[in-house]
Amino acid sequence: MLDQRARALYAPAVGRVAARAAGAGVSAGTVTAFGLAIGIGSCVAAALGAWGVALILWLANRTLDGLDGAIARRTRASDLGGMLDFLSDFVVYGGFVVAVAIAIPDARLAATVLLAAYLLNNVALLSFASLIEKRGLQLGDERSLRFTAGLTEGTETILAYAAICLLPDHAATIAWIFAAMVMVTVLQRVALAHRTLA
């Protein structure tokens, strides 16, 4: 929901950094791999209850996730790179939720439901993206995968995980709320698919 507005705010700064990185020979794949390592570090810190460290590493991971795509667009974007970037995102997205469940036993049920909501959302997102490509429809954004908008996107995930790091005593409540938001996104994508494909 907020991704398009957020990109408009940070795109100029990210673009400048990406241009310098690309000029120095830094590849998008290298940034994706580095970001993944930092994201895994965030998950480990969260599992240990080191919430301040987890927050810093989480925000660094998300920053690098924005940077790798900007570098790819300035050098040589590839479908494989787009796929690996998406996979890396969900290694960290899912890993962070598992880490919360490890650190906060009272949040385990909410974390399980959130992971299930992610599963449904990804099935809806990716199956619809495949059918959009199959039919040659002009839907979704310009990334390697045809992402259709919904209530919960990258920006909302950043905010939800940051809220958990800042308010770990309320992690279960935050996870329940975010899981409900993800399920709304699933319904939005199913409704859009019905209007488009039926």
N, C-alpha and C. Protein backbone atom coordinates (compact mmCIF):
# COMPACT_ATOMS: atom_id res chain seq x y z
N MET A 1 0.81 -1.20 0.00
CA MET A 1 0.00 0.00 0.00
C MET A 1 0.85 1.26 0.00
N LEU A 2 1.97 1.21 0.75
CA LEU A 2 2.82 2.40 0.89
C LEU A 2 4.06 2.36 0.01
N ASP A 3 4.29 1.25 -0.69
CA ASP A 3 5.56 1.11 -1.42
C ASP A 3 5.78 2.20 -2.47
N GLN A 4 4.74 2.50 -3.23
CA GLN A 4 4.91 3.47 -4.31
C GLN A 4 5.28 4.84 -3.75
N ARG A 5 4.63 5.25 -2.67
CA ARG A 5 4.95 6.54 -2.06
C ARG A 5 6.34 6.52 -1.45
N ALA A 6 6.68 5.41 -0.81
CA ALA A 6 8.00 5.31 -0.19
C ALA A 6 9.10 5.37 -1.24
N ARG A 7 8.89 4.67 -2.37
CA ARG A 7 9.91 4.70 -3.43
C ARG A 7 10.11 6.11 -3.95
N ALA A 8 9.06 6.86 -4.06
CA ALA A 8 9.18 8.24 -4.55
C ALA A 8 10.05 9.07 -3.62
N LEU A 9 10.04 8.75 -2.33
CA LEU A 9 10.82 9.51 -1.36
C LEU A 9 12.29 9.11 -1.38
N TYR A 10 12.55 7.79 -1.42
CA TYR A 10 13.95 7.38 -1.30
C TYR A 10 14.64 7.12 -2.63
N ALA A 11 13.90 7.07 -3.73
CA ALA A 11 14.51 6.73 -5.03
C ALA A 11 15.65 7.65 -5.43
N PRO A 12 15.54 8.97 -5.27
CA PRO A 12 16.67 9.82 -5.69
C PRO A 12 17.96 9.50 -4.94
N ALA A 13 17.89 9.33 -3.63
CA ALA A 13 19.09 9.02 -2.85
C ALA A 13 19.64 7.65 -3.21
N VAL A 14 18.76 6.66 -3.32
CA VAL A 14 19.20 5.31 -3.68
C VAL A 14 19.81 5.32 -5.09
N GLY A 15 19.22 6.10 -5.97
CA GLY A 15 19.74 6.18 -7.33
C GLY A 15 21.16 6.72 -7.37
N ARG A 16 21.43 7.72 -6.56
CA ARG A 16 22.78 8.28 -6.53
C ARG A 16 23.79 7.26 -6.00
N VAL A 17 23.43 6.57 -4.93
CA VAL A 17 24.33 5.55 -4.38
C VAL A 17 24.51 4.41 -5.37
N ALA A 18 23.43 4.01 -6.02
CA ALA A 18 23.51 2.92 -6.99
C ALA A 18 24.41 3.29 -8.16
N ALA A 19 24.32 4.53 -8.63
CA ALA A 19 25.16 4.96 -9.75
C ALA A 19 26.64 4.89 -9.38
N ARG A 20 26.96 5.31 -8.16
CA ARG A 20 28.35 5.24 -7.71
C ARG A 20 28.81 3.80 -7.55
N ALA A 21 27.94 2.97 -6.97
CA ALA A 21 28.30 1.57 -6.78
C ALA A 21 28.51 0.87 -8.11
N ALA A 22 27.59 1.10 -9.04
CA ALA A 22 27.72 0.49 -10.36
C ALA A 22 28.98 0.98 -11.06
N GLY A 23 29.29 2.26 -10.91
CA GLY A 23 30.50 2.81 -11.51
C GLY A 23 31.76 2.22 -10.93
N ALA A 24 31.68 1.79 -9.66
CA ALA A 24 32.84 1.17 -9.01
C ALA A 24 32.91 -0.33 -9.27
N GLY A 25 31.97 -0.85 -10.06
CA GLY A 25 32.00 -2.26 -10.40
C GLY A 25 31.30 -3.19 -9.43
N VAL A 26 30.51 -2.62 -8.52
CA VAL A 26 29.75 -3.45 -7.57
C VAL A 26 28.53 -4.00 -8.29
N SER A 27 28.34 -5.31 -8.22
CA SER A 27 27.22 -5.93 -8.93
C SER A 27 26.00 -6.01 -8.02
N ALA A 28 24.84 -6.08 -8.65
CA ALA A 28 23.60 -6.24 -7.90
C ALA A 28 23.60 -7.54 -7.11
N GLY A 29 24.14 -8.61 -7.69
CA GLY A 29 24.18 -9.89 -7.01
C GLY A 29 25.01 -9.85 -5.74
N THR A 30 26.11 -9.11 -5.78
CA THR A 30 26.94 -8.96 -4.59
C THR A 30 26.17 -8.27 -3.48
N VAL A 31 25.43 -7.23 -3.83
CA VAL A 31 24.65 -6.50 -2.84
C VAL A 31 23.54 -7.39 -2.29
N THR A 32 22.89 -8.17 -3.16
CA THR A 32 21.86 -9.10 -2.69
C THR A 32 22.43 -10.09 -1.68
N ALA A 33 23.60 -10.66 -1.99
CA ALA A 33 24.22 -11.64 -1.10
C ALA A 33 24.62 -11.00 0.23
N PHE A 34 25.18 -9.81 0.17
CA PHE A 34 25.58 -9.10 1.39
C PHE A 34 24.35 -8.77 2.22
N GLY A 35 23.31 -8.32 1.54
CA GLY A 35 22.07 -8.01 2.25
C GLY A 35 21.47 -9.24 2.90
N LEU A 36 21.53 -10.39 2.22
CA LEU A 36 21.02 -11.63 2.79
C LEU A 36 21.78 -11.99 4.06
N ALA A 37 23.10 -11.86 4.02
CA ALA A 37 23.91 -12.18 5.20
C ALA A 37 23.54 -11.27 6.37
N ILE A 38 23.36 -10.00 6.09
CA ILE A 38 22.97 -9.06 7.15
C ILE A 38 21.57 -9.39 7.66
N GLY A 39 20.66 -9.76 6.75
CA GLY A 39 19.31 -10.12 7.15
C GLY A 39 19.30 -11.35 8.05
N ILE A 40 20.12 -12.34 7.71
CA ILE A 40 20.22 -13.53 8.56
C ILE A 40 20.77 -13.14 9.93
N GLY A 41 21.72 -12.20 9.94
CA GLY A 41 22.22 -11.69 11.21
C GLY A 41 21.13 -11.05 12.04
N SER A 42 20.22 -10.35 11.38
CA SER A 42 19.09 -9.75 12.07
C SER A 42 18.22 -10.83 12.71
N CYS A 43 17.99 -11.91 11.97
CA CYS A 43 17.19 -13.02 12.50
C CYS A 43 17.86 -13.65 13.72
N VAL A 44 19.17 -13.86 13.64
CA VAL A 44 19.89 -14.44 14.77
C VAL A 44 19.81 -13.52 15.99
N ALA A 45 19.99 -12.22 15.76
CA ALA A 45 19.91 -11.26 16.87
C ALA A 45 18.52 -11.28 17.50
N ALA A 46 17.47 -11.36 16.66
CA ALA A 46 16.11 -11.41 17.19
C ALA A 46 15.89 -12.68 18.01
N ALA A 47 16.40 -13.81 17.52
CA ALA A 47 16.24 -15.07 18.25
C ALA A 47 16.91 -15.01 19.62
N LEU A 48 17.98 -14.23 19.71
CA LEU A 48 18.70 -14.08 20.98
C LEU A 48 18.11 -12.97 21.85
N GLY A 49 17.10 -12.28 21.33
CA GLY A 49 16.49 -11.20 22.09
C GLY A 49 17.29 -9.91 22.08
N ALA A 50 18.25 -9.81 21.17
CA ALA A 50 19.05 -8.58 21.04
C ALA A 50 18.32 -7.65 20.08
N TRP A 51 17.26 -7.03 20.55
CA TRP A 51 16.33 -6.33 19.67
C TRP A 51 16.92 -5.09 19.03
N GLY A 52 17.79 -4.39 19.72
CA GLY A 52 18.42 -3.21 19.12
C GLY A 52 19.29 -3.58 17.93
N VAL A 53 20.08 -4.64 18.10
CA VAL A 53 20.93 -5.12 17.00
C VAL A 53 20.06 -5.64 15.87
N ALA A 54 19.01 -6.38 16.22
CA ALA A 54 18.11 -6.91 15.20
C ALA A 54 17.50 -5.80 14.38
N LEU A 55 17.10 -4.72 15.03
CA LEU A 55 16.50 -3.59 14.31
C LEU A 55 17.49 -2.94 13.36
N ILE A 56 18.70 -2.69 13.83
CA ILE A 56 19.71 -2.06 12.97
C ILE A 56 20.01 -2.93 11.76
N LEU A 57 20.20 -4.22 11.97
CA LEU A 57 20.50 -5.13 10.86
C LEU A 57 19.31 -5.29 9.92
N TRP A 58 18.10 -5.29 10.47
CA TRP A 58 16.89 -5.37 9.65
C TRP A 58 16.79 -4.17 8.73
N LEU A 59 17.01 -2.97 9.26
CA LEU A 59 16.93 -1.77 8.43
C LEU A 59 18.06 -1.74 7.39
N ALA A 60 19.24 -2.24 7.77
CA ALA A 60 20.34 -2.32 6.81
C ALA A 60 20.00 -3.29 5.68
N ASN A 61 19.41 -4.42 6.04
CA ASN A 61 18.99 -5.40 5.04
C ASN A 61 17.99 -4.80 4.06
N ARG A 62 17.02 -4.08 4.57
CA ARG A 62 16.00 -3.48 3.70
C ARG A 62 16.60 -2.38 2.82
N THR A 63 17.58 -1.66 3.34
CA THR A 63 18.25 -0.63 2.53
C THR A 63 18.98 -1.27 1.37
N LEU A 64 19.71 -2.36 1.66
CA LEU A 64 20.44 -3.05 0.60
C LEU A 64 19.49 -3.69 -0.40
N ASP A 65 18.32 -4.12 0.06
CA ASP A 65 17.34 -4.69 -0.85
C ASP A 65 16.86 -3.66 -1.87
N GLY A 66 16.75 -2.42 -1.44
CA GLY A 66 16.39 -1.36 -2.39
C GLY A 66 17.53 -1.02 -3.32
N LEU A 67 18.76 -1.16 -2.80
CA LEU A 67 19.94 -0.78 -3.58
C LEU A 67 20.25 -1.77 -4.69
N ASP A 68 20.06 -3.06 -4.44
CA ASP A 68 20.47 -4.04 -5.46
C ASP A 68 19.65 -3.91 -6.74
N GLY A 69 18.35 -3.64 -6.59
CA GLY A 69 17.52 -3.45 -7.77
C GLY A 69 17.92 -2.21 -8.55
N ALA A 70 18.26 -1.15 -7.82
CA ALA A 70 18.68 0.09 -8.49
C ALA A 70 19.99 -0.12 -9.25
N ILE A 71 20.89 -0.90 -8.68
CA ILE A 71 22.15 -1.20 -9.38
C ILE A 71 21.87 -2.05 -10.62
N ALA A 72 20.98 -3.04 -10.47
CA ALA A 72 20.65 -3.91 -11.60
C ALA A 72 20.10 -3.11 -12.77
N ARG A 73 19.26 -2.14 -12.48
CA ARG A 73 18.67 -1.34 -13.56
C ARG A 73 19.71 -0.47 -14.26
N ARG A 74 20.83 -0.21 -13.59
CA ARG A 74 21.88 0.61 -14.18
C ARG A 74 22.98 -0.23 -14.85
N THR A 75 22.94 -1.52 -14.63
CA THR A 75 23.96 -2.39 -15.23
C THR A 75 23.29 -3.41 -16.12
N ARG A 76 23.10 -4.61 -15.59
CA ARG A 76 22.48 -5.67 -16.39
C ARG A 76 21.48 -6.43 -15.52
N ALA A 77 20.25 -6.03 -15.60
CA ALA A 77 19.21 -6.72 -14.84
C ALA A 77 18.98 -8.10 -15.42
N SER A 78 18.71 -9.07 -14.56
CA SER A 78 18.45 -10.43 -15.05
C SER A 78 17.26 -11.02 -14.30
N ASP A 79 16.56 -11.92 -14.98
CA ASP A 79 15.44 -12.60 -14.34
C ASP A 79 15.91 -13.46 -13.17
N LEU A 80 17.08 -14.09 -13.33
CA LEU A 80 17.63 -14.90 -12.23
C LEU A 80 17.91 -14.02 -11.02
N GLY A 81 18.49 -12.85 -11.27
CA GLY A 81 18.76 -11.94 -10.16
C GLY A 81 17.49 -11.52 -9.45
N GLY A 82 16.42 -11.27 -10.22
CA GLY A 82 15.15 -10.91 -9.63
C GLY A 82 14.58 -12.03 -8.78
N MET A 83 14.71 -13.25 -9.27
CA MET A 83 14.22 -14.40 -8.51
C MET A 83 15.00 -14.58 -7.21
N LEU A 84 16.33 -14.49 -7.30
CA LEU A 84 17.15 -14.67 -6.11
C LEU A 84 16.92 -13.55 -5.09
N ASP A 85 16.67 -12.37 -5.58
CA ASP A 85 16.36 -11.25 -4.69
C ASP A 85 15.06 -11.52 -3.93
N PHE A 86 14.04 -11.99 -4.64
CA PHE A 86 12.76 -12.32 -4.01
C PHE A 86 12.93 -13.45 -3.00
N LEU A 87 13.68 -14.47 -3.36
CA LEU A 87 13.94 -15.58 -2.45
C LEU A 87 14.67 -15.10 -1.20
N SER A 88 15.66 -14.24 -1.39
CA SER A 88 16.40 -13.71 -0.25
C SER A 88 15.49 -12.93 0.69
N ASP A 89 14.57 -12.17 0.11
CA ASP A 89 13.62 -11.43 0.93
C ASP A 89 12.88 -12.37 1.87
N PHE A 90 12.42 -13.50 1.34
CA PHE A 90 11.59 -14.37 2.15
C PHE A 90 12.39 -15.29 3.06
N VAL A 91 13.65 -15.48 2.77
CA VAL A 91 14.52 -16.12 3.77
C VAL A 91 14.53 -15.26 5.03
N VAL A 92 14.66 -13.95 4.84
CA VAL A 92 14.72 -13.04 5.98
C VAL A 92 13.34 -12.81 6.58
N TYR A 93 12.34 -12.59 5.73
CA TYR A 93 10.98 -12.39 6.24
C TYR A 93 10.55 -13.57 7.12
N GLY A 94 10.70 -14.78 6.59
CA GLY A 94 10.30 -15.96 7.34
C GLY A 94 11.21 -16.23 8.52
N GLY A 95 12.51 -16.05 8.31
CA GLY A 95 13.47 -16.28 9.38
C GLY A 95 13.25 -15.37 10.57
N PHE A 96 12.87 -14.15 10.31
CA PHE A 96 12.63 -13.21 11.41
C PHE A 96 11.43 -13.66 12.23
N VAL A 97 10.39 -14.13 11.57
CA VAL A 97 9.20 -14.61 12.29
C VAL A 97 9.55 -15.83 13.14
N VAL A 98 10.34 -16.75 12.60
CA VAL A 98 10.80 -17.90 13.37
C VAL A 98 11.62 -17.44 14.56
N ALA A 99 12.47 -16.43 14.35
CA ALA A 99 13.29 -15.90 15.44
C ALA A 99 12.44 -15.32 16.55
N VAL A 100 11.38 -14.62 16.19
CA VAL A 100 10.46 -14.08 17.19
C VAL A 100 9.84 -15.21 18.00
N ALA A 101 9.45 -16.28 17.31
CA ALA A 101 8.87 -17.42 18.01
C ALA A 101 9.86 -18.07 18.97
N ILE A 102 11.13 -18.07 18.61
CA ILE A 102 12.16 -18.63 19.49
C ILE A 102 12.36 -17.73 20.72
N ALA A 103 12.43 -16.44 20.48
CA ALA A 103 12.72 -15.50 21.56
C ALA A 103 11.53 -15.26 22.49
N ILE A 104 10.31 -15.35 21.95
CA ILE A 104 9.11 -15.00 22.71
C ILE A 104 8.11 -16.14 22.59
N PRO A 105 8.15 -17.10 23.51
CA PRO A 105 7.23 -18.25 23.43
C PRO A 105 5.75 -17.86 23.34
N ASP A 106 5.36 -16.79 24.00
CA ASP A 106 3.95 -16.38 23.96
C ASP A 106 3.51 -15.92 22.57
N ALA A 107 4.47 -15.65 21.69
CA ALA A 107 4.14 -15.19 20.34
C ALA A 107 4.15 -16.32 19.32
N ARG A 108 4.33 -17.54 19.76
CA ARG A 108 4.51 -18.64 18.80
C ARG A 108 3.28 -18.91 17.96
N LEU A 109 2.11 -18.87 18.55
CA LEU A 109 0.90 -19.11 17.76
C LEU A 109 0.71 -18.01 16.72
N ALA A 110 0.89 -16.76 17.13
CA ALA A 110 0.76 -15.64 16.19
C ALA A 110 1.79 -15.74 15.08
N ALA A 111 3.01 -16.14 15.44
CA ALA A 111 4.07 -16.29 14.43
C ALA A 111 3.73 -17.39 13.43
N THR A 112 3.16 -18.49 13.92
CA THR A 112 2.76 -19.58 13.03
C THR A 112 1.68 -19.13 12.06
N VAL A 113 0.71 -18.39 12.56
CA VAL A 113 -0.36 -17.89 11.70
C VAL A 113 0.19 -16.90 10.68
N LEU A 114 1.14 -16.06 11.10
CA LEU A 114 1.74 -15.11 10.16
C LEU A 114 2.48 -15.85 9.05
N LEU A 115 3.21 -16.91 9.39
CA LEU A 115 3.90 -17.68 8.35
C LEU A 115 2.90 -18.32 7.39
N ALA A 116 1.78 -18.81 7.92
CA ALA A 116 0.75 -19.39 7.06
C ALA A 116 0.16 -18.32 6.14
N ALA A 117 -0.03 -17.12 6.67
CA ALA A 117 -0.54 -16.02 5.84
C ALA A 117 0.46 -15.67 4.73
N TYR A 118 1.76 -15.68 5.06
CA TYR A 118 2.78 -15.45 4.03
C TYR A 118 2.68 -16.50 2.92
N LEU A 119 2.49 -17.76 3.32
CA LEU A 119 2.39 -18.83 2.34
C LEU A 119 1.24 -18.58 1.37
N LEU A 120 0.08 -18.26 1.91
CA LEU A 120 -1.08 -18.00 1.05
C LEU A 120 -0.86 -16.78 0.17
N ASN A 121 -0.26 -15.75 0.74
CA ASN A 121 -0.03 -14.53 -0.03
C ASN A 121 0.93 -14.79 -1.19
N ASN A 122 1.98 -15.57 -0.93
CA ASN A 122 2.94 -15.85 -2.00
C ASN A 122 2.33 -16.72 -3.09
N VAL A 123 1.47 -17.67 -2.70
CA VAL A 123 0.80 -18.48 -3.72
C VAL A 123 -0.08 -17.58 -4.59
N ALA A 124 -0.84 -16.69 -3.94
CA ALA A 124 -1.71 -15.78 -4.71
C ALA A 124 -0.88 -14.85 -5.58
N LEU A 125 0.18 -14.29 -5.03
CA LEU A 125 1.02 -13.34 -5.76
C LEU A 125 1.70 -14.00 -6.96
N LEU A 126 2.35 -15.12 -6.73
CA LEU A 126 3.17 -15.72 -7.78
C LEU A 126 2.33 -16.43 -8.84
N SER A 127 1.25 -17.08 -8.43
CA SER A 127 0.41 -17.72 -9.44
C SER A 127 -0.26 -16.67 -10.33
N PHE A 128 -0.70 -15.57 -9.73
CA PHE A 128 -1.30 -14.50 -10.52
C PHE A 128 -0.26 -13.86 -11.43
N ALA A 129 0.96 -13.66 -10.90
CA ALA A 129 2.04 -13.08 -11.71
C ALA A 129 2.33 -13.95 -12.93
N SER A 130 2.31 -15.26 -12.73
CA SER A 130 2.56 -16.18 -13.85
C SER A 130 1.47 -16.07 -14.90
N LEU A 131 0.23 -15.97 -14.46
CA LEU A 131 -0.88 -15.87 -15.41
C LEU A 131 -0.90 -14.52 -16.11
N ILE A 132 -0.46 -13.47 -15.42
CA ILE A 132 -0.35 -12.16 -16.06
C ILE A 132 0.64 -12.24 -17.22
N GLU A 133 1.79 -12.87 -16.97
CA GLU A 133 2.79 -13.03 -18.02
C GLU A 133 2.26 -13.91 -19.15
N LYS A 134 1.57 -14.99 -18.79
CA LYS A 134 1.04 -15.92 -19.80
C LYS A 134 0.10 -15.20 -20.76
N ARG A 135 -0.71 -14.29 -20.21
CA ARG A 135 -1.69 -13.59 -21.04
C ARG A 135 -1.16 -12.28 -21.62
N GLY A 136 0.07 -11.92 -21.26
CA GLY A 136 0.65 -10.69 -21.78
C GLY A 136 -0.06 -9.44 -21.30
N LEU A 137 -0.55 -9.47 -20.08
CA LEU A 137 -1.29 -8.33 -19.53
C LEU A 137 -0.35 -7.30 -18.92
N GLN A 138 -0.72 -6.07 -18.98
CA GLN A 138 0.10 -4.99 -18.42
C GLN A 138 -0.37 -4.67 -17.00
N LEU A 139 -0.08 -5.59 -16.10
CA LEU A 139 -0.41 -5.40 -14.69
C LEU A 139 0.86 -5.58 -13.87
N GLY A 140 0.87 -4.99 -12.67
CA GLY A 140 2.03 -5.11 -11.80
C GLY A 140 3.07 -4.06 -12.12
N ASP A 141 4.18 -4.13 -11.39
CA ASP A 141 5.21 -3.10 -11.55
C ASP A 141 6.32 -3.59 -12.48
N GLU A 142 7.43 -2.84 -12.48
CA GLU A 142 8.47 -3.06 -13.48
C GLU A 142 9.51 -4.08 -13.05
N ARG A 143 9.38 -4.67 -11.88
CA ARG A 143 10.37 -5.61 -11.40
C ARG A 143 10.31 -6.94 -12.16
N SER A 144 11.27 -7.82 -11.88
CA SER A 144 11.34 -9.09 -12.60
C SER A 144 10.06 -9.89 -12.48
N LEU A 145 9.45 -9.86 -11.29
CA LEU A 145 8.17 -10.52 -11.08
C LEU A 145 7.08 -9.46 -11.08
N ARG A 146 5.92 -9.82 -11.60
CA ARG A 146 4.81 -8.88 -11.69
C ARG A 146 4.11 -8.75 -10.34
N PHE A 147 4.59 -7.83 -9.53
CA PHE A 147 4.00 -7.63 -8.21
C PHE A 147 2.78 -6.74 -8.32
N THR A 148 1.64 -7.25 -7.85
CA THR A 148 0.43 -6.43 -7.82
C THR A 148 0.27 -5.84 -6.42
N ALA A 149 -0.27 -4.64 -6.36
CA ALA A 149 -0.36 -3.90 -5.11
C ALA A 149 -1.34 -4.56 -4.15
N GLY A 150 -1.11 -4.33 -2.86
CA GLY A 150 -2.01 -4.83 -1.84
C GLY A 150 -1.82 -4.05 -0.55
N LEU A 151 -2.57 -4.41 0.46
CA LEU A 151 -2.50 -3.70 1.74
C LEU A 151 -1.12 -3.82 2.37
N THR A 152 -0.54 -5.02 2.31
CA THR A 152 0.78 -5.23 2.91
C THR A 152 1.80 -5.47 1.80
N GLU A 153 2.80 -4.62 1.78
CA GLU A 153 3.90 -4.75 0.83
C GLU A 153 5.20 -4.61 1.62
N GLY A 154 6.27 -4.26 0.96
CA GLY A 154 7.55 -4.18 1.65
C GLY A 154 7.60 -3.15 2.76
N THR A 155 7.04 -1.98 2.52
CA THR A 155 7.09 -0.91 3.52
C THR A 155 6.35 -1.31 4.79
N GLU A 156 5.19 -1.92 4.65
CA GLU A 156 4.43 -2.35 5.81
C GLU A 156 5.18 -3.43 6.60
N THR A 157 5.90 -4.30 5.88
CA THR A 157 6.69 -5.32 6.55
C THR A 157 7.84 -4.70 7.33
N ILE A 158 8.49 -3.71 6.74
CA ILE A 158 9.55 -2.99 7.46
C ILE A 158 9.01 -2.42 8.76
N LEU A 159 7.86 -1.77 8.68
CA LEU A 159 7.29 -1.13 9.87
C LEU A 159 6.87 -2.16 10.91
N ALA A 160 6.28 -3.27 10.47
CA ALA A 160 5.83 -4.30 11.42
C ALA A 160 7.01 -4.91 12.17
N TYR A 161 8.07 -5.25 11.45
CA TYR A 161 9.22 -5.87 12.11
C TYR A 161 9.95 -4.87 13.00
N ALA A 162 10.01 -3.63 12.56
CA ALA A 162 10.62 -2.59 13.40
C ALA A 162 9.81 -2.42 14.69
N ALA A 163 8.49 -2.49 14.58
CA ALA A 163 7.63 -2.38 15.76
C ALA A 163 7.89 -3.52 16.73
N ILE A 164 8.10 -4.73 16.21
CA ILE A 164 8.41 -5.86 17.08
C ILE A 164 9.73 -5.64 17.81
N CYS A 165 10.72 -5.13 17.08
CA CYS A 165 12.02 -4.87 17.72
C CYS A 165 11.92 -3.79 18.80
N LEU A 166 11.09 -2.79 18.56
CA LEU A 166 10.95 -1.70 19.51
C LEU A 166 10.02 -2.06 20.67
N LEU A 167 9.07 -2.95 20.41
CA LEU A 167 8.06 -3.32 21.42
C LEU A 167 7.95 -4.84 21.52
N PRO A 168 9.03 -5.52 21.89
CA PRO A 168 9.00 -6.99 21.89
C PRO A 168 7.96 -7.58 22.84
N ASP A 169 7.60 -6.85 23.90
CA ASP A 169 6.57 -7.34 24.81
C ASP A 169 5.20 -7.42 24.14
N HIS A 170 5.05 -6.73 23.02
CA HIS A 170 3.78 -6.73 22.28
C HIS A 170 3.91 -7.47 20.95
N ALA A 171 4.94 -8.32 20.85
CA ALA A 171 5.21 -9.00 19.57
C ALA A 171 4.03 -9.84 19.11
N ALA A 172 3.38 -10.52 20.03
CA ALA A 172 2.25 -11.37 19.63
C ALA A 172 1.13 -10.54 19.02
N THR A 173 0.81 -9.43 19.67
CA THR A 173 -0.26 -8.56 19.15
C THR A 173 0.10 -8.02 17.78
N ILE A 174 1.36 -7.57 17.62
CA ILE A 174 1.79 -7.04 16.33
C ILE A 174 1.72 -8.11 15.26
N ALA A 175 2.15 -9.33 15.60
CA ALA A 175 2.11 -10.42 14.61
C ALA A 175 0.68 -10.78 14.23
N TRP A 176 -0.24 -10.79 15.21
CA TRP A 176 -1.65 -11.06 14.88
C TRP A 176 -2.22 -10.01 13.94
N ILE A 177 -1.94 -8.75 14.25
CA ILE A 177 -2.45 -7.65 13.41
C ILE A 177 -1.86 -7.75 12.01
N PHE A 178 -0.56 -8.01 11.94
CA PHE A 178 0.07 -8.06 10.62
C PHE A 178 -0.40 -9.27 9.83
N ALA A 179 -0.61 -10.40 10.51
CA ALA A 179 -1.15 -11.58 9.82
C ALA A 179 -2.52 -11.29 9.23
N ALA A 180 -3.34 -10.57 9.99
CA ALA A 180 -4.67 -10.20 9.47
C ALA A 180 -4.54 -9.30 8.25
N MET A 181 -3.59 -8.37 8.28
CA MET A 181 -3.37 -7.49 7.14
C MET A 181 -2.89 -8.27 5.92
N VAL A 182 -2.02 -9.25 6.15
CA VAL A 182 -1.55 -10.08 5.03
C VAL A 182 -2.72 -10.85 4.42
N MET A 183 -3.61 -11.35 5.27
CA MET A 183 -4.76 -12.09 4.76
C MET A 183 -5.69 -11.18 3.95
N VAL A 184 -5.82 -9.93 4.35
CA VAL A 184 -6.58 -8.97 3.54
C VAL A 184 -5.92 -8.82 2.18
N THR A 185 -4.60 -8.79 2.14
CA THR A 185 -3.87 -8.69 0.88
C THR A 185 -4.13 -9.90 0.00
N VAL A 186 -4.19 -11.09 0.61
CA VAL A 186 -4.52 -12.30 -0.15
C VAL A 186 -5.88 -12.14 -0.81
N LEU A 187 -6.86 -11.68 -0.04
CA LEU A 187 -8.20 -11.49 -0.59
C LEU A 187 -8.22 -10.45 -1.69
N GLN A 188 -7.43 -9.38 -1.53
CA GLN A 188 -7.35 -8.36 -2.57
C GLN A 188 -6.81 -8.96 -3.87
N ARG A 189 -5.79 -9.78 -3.76
CA ARG A 189 -5.17 -10.34 -4.96
C ARG A 189 -6.09 -11.37 -5.61
N VAL A 190 -6.79 -12.14 -4.81
CA VAL A 190 -7.75 -13.10 -5.37
C VAL A 190 -8.88 -12.35 -6.09
N ALA A 191 -9.35 -11.25 -5.48
CA ALA A 191 -10.41 -10.47 -6.10
C ALA A 191 -9.93 -9.86 -7.41
N LEU A 192 -8.70 -9.33 -7.43
CA LEU A 192 -8.14 -8.76 -8.66
C LEU A 192 -7.99 -9.84 -9.72
N ALA A 193 -7.52 -11.01 -9.32
CA ALA A 193 -7.37 -12.12 -10.27
C ALA A 193 -8.74 -12.50 -10.85
N HIS A 194 -9.76 -12.52 -10.01
CA HIS A 194 -11.10 -12.88 -10.49
C HIS A 194 -11.59 -11.87 -11.52
N ARG A 195 -11.39 -10.58 -11.22
CA ARG A 195 -11.83 -9.55 -12.17
C ARG A 195 -11.03 -9.62 -13.47
N THR A 196 -9.77 -9.98 -13.39
CA THR A 196 -8.90 -9.96 -14.56
C THR A 196 -9.00 -11.22 -15.40
N LEU A 197 -9.13 -12.36 -14.76
CA LEU A 197 -9.01 -13.64 -15.44
C LEU A 197 -10.34 -14.33 -15.72
N ALA A 198 -11.38 -13.96 -14.99
CA ALA A 198 -12.66 -14.67 -15.14
C ALA A 198 -13.28 -14.40 -16.51
